[in-house]
Amino acid sequence: MTPADQGLFAAYGRTMFSVQLFEQALLALVQINQPEPPEATGFDDAWKQVEPLFRMTAGQLRKELQKQGVVSEDLLGELQTAVNTRNTLAHNYLLEYRMRTALDSVTPQEAVQEMKKVRELYHGLTARLDAVTHEKAEQRGWDLDDLGGLTEEDLRRIASEVESEEER
């Protein structure tokens, strides 16, 4: 692997980080549009309501947003493009990069610039999704910086459950 390839891999990592932030923004918007659990609902029951959302793929989250009817058709189209791009990045990009550089159809420096453009796409979409999420939160009277009474123990338990699921 050449230093130029290493630069591309670093850019790819930054881009995939942007993709993860995009997926979290999708999840947040889907989640905020779920019906509120009754006031007396305990943490475990509330967690059961939202846990399936955390298992959804980006494509499934986009479809859920479409069902909820909370974003425009134009934005849904952009989200579909982003989901498709995400899938290409996750499943094919590095192989395609190797093939393209072997055939001299792209230089590592050009590929780094492509990654930068893709990152900008995700940054923009994430900002737009976050803005809609914050608008919905304000409509519900929610402060998104408030953990809603979650304790450190709750957060440790959630992290432990996620880790044990990942080990399976």
Protein backbone atom coordinates (compact mmCIF):
# COMPACT_ATOMS: atom_id res chain seq x y z
CA MET A 1 0.00 0.00 0.00
CA THR A 2 1.42 3.33 -1.02
CA PRO A 3 1.29 6.53 1.06
CA ALA A 4 -1.22 7.85 -1.49
CA ASP A 5 -3.41 4.78 -0.88
CA GLN A 6 -3.13 5.42 2.85
CA GLY A 7 -4.41 8.93 2.24
CA LEU A 8 -7.41 7.51 0.42
CA PHE A 9 -8.09 5.06 3.24
CA ALA A 10 -7.97 7.91 5.74
CA ALA A 11 -10.40 9.93 3.60
CA TYR A 12 -12.62 6.85 3.28
CA GLY A 13 -12.66 6.47 7.07
CA ARG A 14 -13.68 10.11 7.52
CA THR A 15 -16.38 9.65 4.90
CA MET A 16 -17.76 6.54 6.59
CA PHE A 17 -17.82 8.49 9.86
CA SER A 18 -19.98 11.09 8.08
CA VAL A 19 -22.21 8.27 6.84
CA GLN A 20 -22.63 7.05 10.43
CA LEU A 21 -23.63 10.55 11.54
CA PHE A 22 -26.14 10.64 8.68
CA GLU A 23 -27.60 7.30 9.79
CA GLN A 24 -27.90 8.60 13.36
CA ALA A 25 -29.72 11.68 12.06
CA LEU A 26 -32.12 9.42 10.12
CA LEU A 27 -32.72 7.38 13.26
CA ALA A 28 -33.31 10.48 15.38
CA LEU A 29 -35.92 11.83 13.00
CA VAL A 30 -37.73 8.49 12.75
CA GLN A 31 -37.64 8.09 16.52
CA ILE A 32 -38.90 11.57 17.33
CA ASN A 33 -41.98 10.90 15.21
CA GLN A 34 -42.92 7.76 17.12
CA PRO A 35 -45.93 8.00 19.42
CA GLU A 36 -44.98 9.04 22.90
CA PRO A 37 -45.31 6.27 25.46
CA PRO A 38 -47.81 6.88 28.25
CA GLU A 39 -46.49 9.02 31.09
CA ALA A 40 -46.27 6.05 33.49
CA THR A 41 -44.25 3.88 31.09
CA GLY A 42 -41.08 2.58 32.68
CA PHE A 43 -37.70 2.63 31.01
CA ASP A 44 -37.78 -1.04 30.00
CA ASP A 45 -41.17 -0.70 28.28
CA ALA A 46 -40.12 2.50 26.54
CA TRP A 47 -36.87 0.83 25.41
CA LYS A 48 -38.85 -2.05 23.89
CA GLN A 49 -40.75 0.49 21.80
CA VAL A 50 -37.64 2.11 20.32
CA GLU A 51 -35.13 -0.76 20.25
CA PRO A 52 -36.35 -2.08 16.86
CA LEU A 53 -35.54 1.31 15.35
CA PHE A 54 -31.89 0.85 16.32
CA ARG A 55 -31.77 -2.34 14.27
CA MET A 56 -33.08 -0.70 11.08
CA THR A 57 -30.82 -0.18 8.09
CA ALA A 58 -30.51 3.26 6.51
CA GLY A 59 -32.87 2.12 3.75
CA GLN A 60 -35.44 0.93 6.26
CA LEU A 61 -35.19 4.22 8.16
CA ARG A 62 -35.75 6.14 4.91
CA LYS A 63 -38.84 4.04 4.18
CA GLU A 64 -40.10 4.69 7.71
CA LEU A 65 -39.69 8.44 7.16
CA GLN A 66 -41.71 8.09 3.97
CA LYS A 67 -44.49 6.30 5.90
CA GLN A 68 -44.42 9.00 8.57
CA GLY A 69 -44.81 11.70 5.91
CA VAL A 70 -42.54 14.15 7.72
CA VAL A 71 -40.17 15.06 4.89
CA SER A 72 -40.76 16.24 1.35
CA GLU A 73 -40.63 13.96 -1.67
CA ASP A 74 -37.56 15.89 -2.86
CA LEU A 75 -35.75 15.19 0.39
CA LEU A 76 -36.84 11.53 0.27
CA GLY A 77 -35.24 11.31 -3.18
CA GLU A 78 -32.01 12.80 -1.85
CA LEU A 79 -32.09 10.40 1.09
CA GLN A 80 -32.50 7.46 -1.30
CA THR A 81 -29.44 8.63 -3.24
CA ALA A 82 -27.52 8.89 0.02
CA VAL A 83 -28.64 5.40 1.09
CA ASN A 84 -27.56 3.97 -2.28
CA THR A 85 -24.23 5.77 -2.03
CA ARG A 86 -23.78 4.49 1.51
CA ASN A 87 -24.34 0.94 0.33
CA THR A 88 -21.83 1.34 -2.49
CA LEU A 89 -19.27 2.79 -0.08
CA ALA A 90 -19.78 0.04 2.47
CA HIS A 91 -19.86 -2.91 0.10
CA ASN A 92 -18.04 -2.06 -3.13
CA TYR A 93 -16.04 1.14 -2.99
CA LEU A 94 -12.66 -0.16 -1.88
CA LEU A 95 -12.68 -2.94 -4.48
CA GLU A 96 -13.77 -0.48 -7.15
CA TYR A 97 -11.01 1.89 -6.03
CA ARG A 98 -8.41 -0.86 -6.44
CA MET A 99 -9.72 -1.70 -9.90
CA ARG A 100 -9.88 1.96 -10.98
CA THR A 101 -6.34 2.69 -9.83
CA ALA A 102 -5.04 -0.49 -11.46
CA LEU A 103 -6.62 0.62 -14.73
CA ASP A 104 -5.31 4.15 -14.28
CA SER A 105 -8.83 5.57 -14.47
CA VAL A 106 -8.37 7.43 -11.16
CA THR A 107 -5.43 8.53 -9.07
CA PRO A 108 -5.47 8.21 -5.29
CA GLN A 109 -5.52 12.02 -5.08
CA GLU A 110 -8.62 12.16 -7.30
CA ALA A 111 -10.27 9.49 -5.18
CA VAL A 112 -9.54 11.56 -2.05
CA GLN A 113 -11.30 14.51 -3.70
CA GLU A 114 -14.27 12.24 -4.51
CA MET A 115 -14.45 11.25 -0.86
CA LYS A 116 -14.42 14.90 0.14
CA LYS A 117 -17.42 15.60 -2.14
CA VAL A 118 -19.28 12.59 -0.76
CA ARG A 119 -18.57 13.76 2.80
CA GLU A 120 -20.02 17.16 1.94
CA LEU A 121 -23.19 15.46 0.68
CA TYR A 122 -23.61 13.65 3.99
CA HIS A 123 -22.79 16.71 6.08
CA GLY A 124 -25.46 18.69 4.26
CA LEU A 125 -28.12 16.01 4.55
CA THR A 126 -27.29 15.41 8.20
CA ALA A 127 -27.68 19.12 8.94
CA ARG A 128 -31.05 19.18 7.17
CA LEU A 129 -32.28 16.10 9.04
CA ASP A 130 -31.07 17.52 12.34
CA ALA A 131 -32.94 20.78 11.64
CA VAL A 132 -36.21 18.88 11.04
CA THR A 133 -35.61 16.79 14.17
CA HIS A 134 -35.04 19.90 16.29
CA GLU A 135 -38.17 21.50 14.84
CA LYS A 136 -40.21 18.40 15.74
CA ALA A 137 -38.68 18.35 19.22
CA GLU A 138 -39.62 21.99 19.80
CA GLN A 139 -43.18 21.24 18.64
CA ARG A 140 -43.33 18.51 21.29
CA GLY A 141 -41.76 20.75 23.92
CA TRP A 142 -38.65 18.58 24.16
CA ASP A 143 -35.11 19.64 24.93
CA LEU A 144 -32.86 17.32 22.91
CA ASP A 145 -29.98 18.02 25.28
CA ASP A 146 -31.94 16.56 28.21
CA LEU A 147 -31.42 12.82 28.75
CA GLY A 148 -34.99 12.49 30.01
CA GLY A 149 -34.09 11.17 33.43
CA LEU A 150 -31.72 8.45 32.25
CA THR A 151 -29.23 7.65 34.94
CA GLU A 152 -25.63 6.58 34.54
CA GLU A 153 -26.82 3.09 35.47
CA ASP A 154 -29.39 3.15 32.61
CA LEU A 155 -26.71 4.24 30.15
CA ARG A 156 -24.32 1.50 31.33
CA ARG A 157 -27.10 -1.10 31.00
CA ILE A 158 -27.93 0.06 27.46
CA ALA A 159 -24.25 -0.05 26.49
CA SER A 160 -23.93 -3.52 27.99
CA GLU A 161 -26.99 -4.78 26.07
CA VAL A 162 -25.66 -3.35 22.83
CA GLU A 163 -22.24 -4.93 23.41
CA SER A 164 -23.74 -8.34 24.20
CA GLU A 165 -25.87 -8.15 21.04
CA GLU A 166 -22.76 -7.33 19.01
CA GLU A 167 -20.92 -10.36 20.41
CA ARG A 168 -23.66 -12.75 19.25
